[in-house]
Protein backbone atom coordinates (compact mmCIF):
# COMPACT_ATOMS: atom_id res chain seq x y z
CA MET A 1 5.26 7.08 2.45
CA LEU A 2 6.79 7.43 6.04
CA GLU A 3 8.00 11.43 5.10
CA GLU A 4 5.29 12.50 3.79
CA GLY A 5 3.63 11.92 6.95
CA PRO A 6 -0.22 10.30 8.31
CA ASP A 7 -1.60 11.29 4.67
CA GLY A 8 1.60 8.95 2.34
CA PHE A 9 1.04 9.04 -0.56
CA GLU A 10 -1.79 11.49 -2.03
CA GLY A 11 -4.47 9.63 -2.61
CA GLY A 12 -2.88 6.17 -1.06
CA MET A 13 -0.21 2.88 -2.06
CA ASN A 14 -2.12 0.96 -4.77
CA ALA A 15 -1.01 -2.17 -6.98
CA THR A 16 -0.19 0.29 -9.94
CA LYS A 17 1.68 2.82 -7.76
CA TYR A 18 3.58 -0.56 -5.96
CA ILE A 19 4.54 -1.81 -9.63
CA GLY A 20 5.68 1.81 -10.51
CA ILE A 21 7.94 1.77 -7.68
CA THR A 22 9.57 -1.72 -7.96
CA GLY A 23 8.94 -2.75 -11.67
CA THR A 24 7.33 -6.33 -9.57
CA SER A 25 4.30 -8.12 -11.55
CA LYS A 26 1.00 -7.50 -10.22
CA ALA A 27 0.23 -10.28 -9.28
CA THR A 28 2.86 -9.59 -7.55
CA ALA A 29 2.94 -6.26 -6.14
CA THR A 30 -0.76 -7.68 -5.46
CA ARG A 31 0.84 -10.17 -2.85
CA ASP A 32 3.11 -7.94 -1.81
CA LEU A 33 0.24 -5.30 -0.35
CA GLN A 34 -1.48 -8.21 0.78
CA ASN A 35 1.85 -9.02 3.05
CA LEU A 36 1.69 -5.55 4.75
CA VAL A 37 -1.14 -5.41 5.79
CA GLU A 38 -1.20 -8.89 6.96
CA GLN A 39 1.94 -7.27 8.54
CA ASN A 40 -0.44 -5.10 10.04
CA ILE A 41 2.00 -1.63 8.38
CA TYR A 42 -0.43 -1.44 5.73
CA ILE A 43 -4.24 0.20 6.31
CA PRO A 44 -6.85 -1.22 3.15
CA ILE A 45 -9.06 1.32 2.56
CA GLY A 46 -11.71 -0.11 -0.03
CA GLY A 47 -11.81 -3.23 -2.11
CA GLY A 48 -11.29 -5.32 -5.16
CA ARG A 49 -9.75 -2.92 -7.96
CA SER A 50 -9.87 0.39 -6.43
CA SER A 51 -8.23 -1.05 -3.38
CA ARG A 52 -5.73 1.65 -1.33
CA TYR A 53 -3.66 1.73 1.28
CA GLN A 54 -2.60 4.24 4.06
CA ILE A 55 0.21 3.63 6.21
CA ASN A 56 -0.24 2.73 10.48
CA LEU A 57 1.34 4.76 12.07
CA LYS A 58 0.84 3.93 14.66
CA SER A 59 2.55 0.12 13.98
CA PHE A 60 6.16 2.06 13.93
């Protein structure tokens, strides 16, 4: 995502994309993404089933 600049992946990261990249389960993907939000690496956009995440470039 960093190579793509401020927009990251088109539409941001979501659990489905994360699962496709990492091969994890949905539960693990959700937990990992929440952990990245807590570390201020991702910024959540929306909520529930439509949750998406953008990388927080200010944290780098």
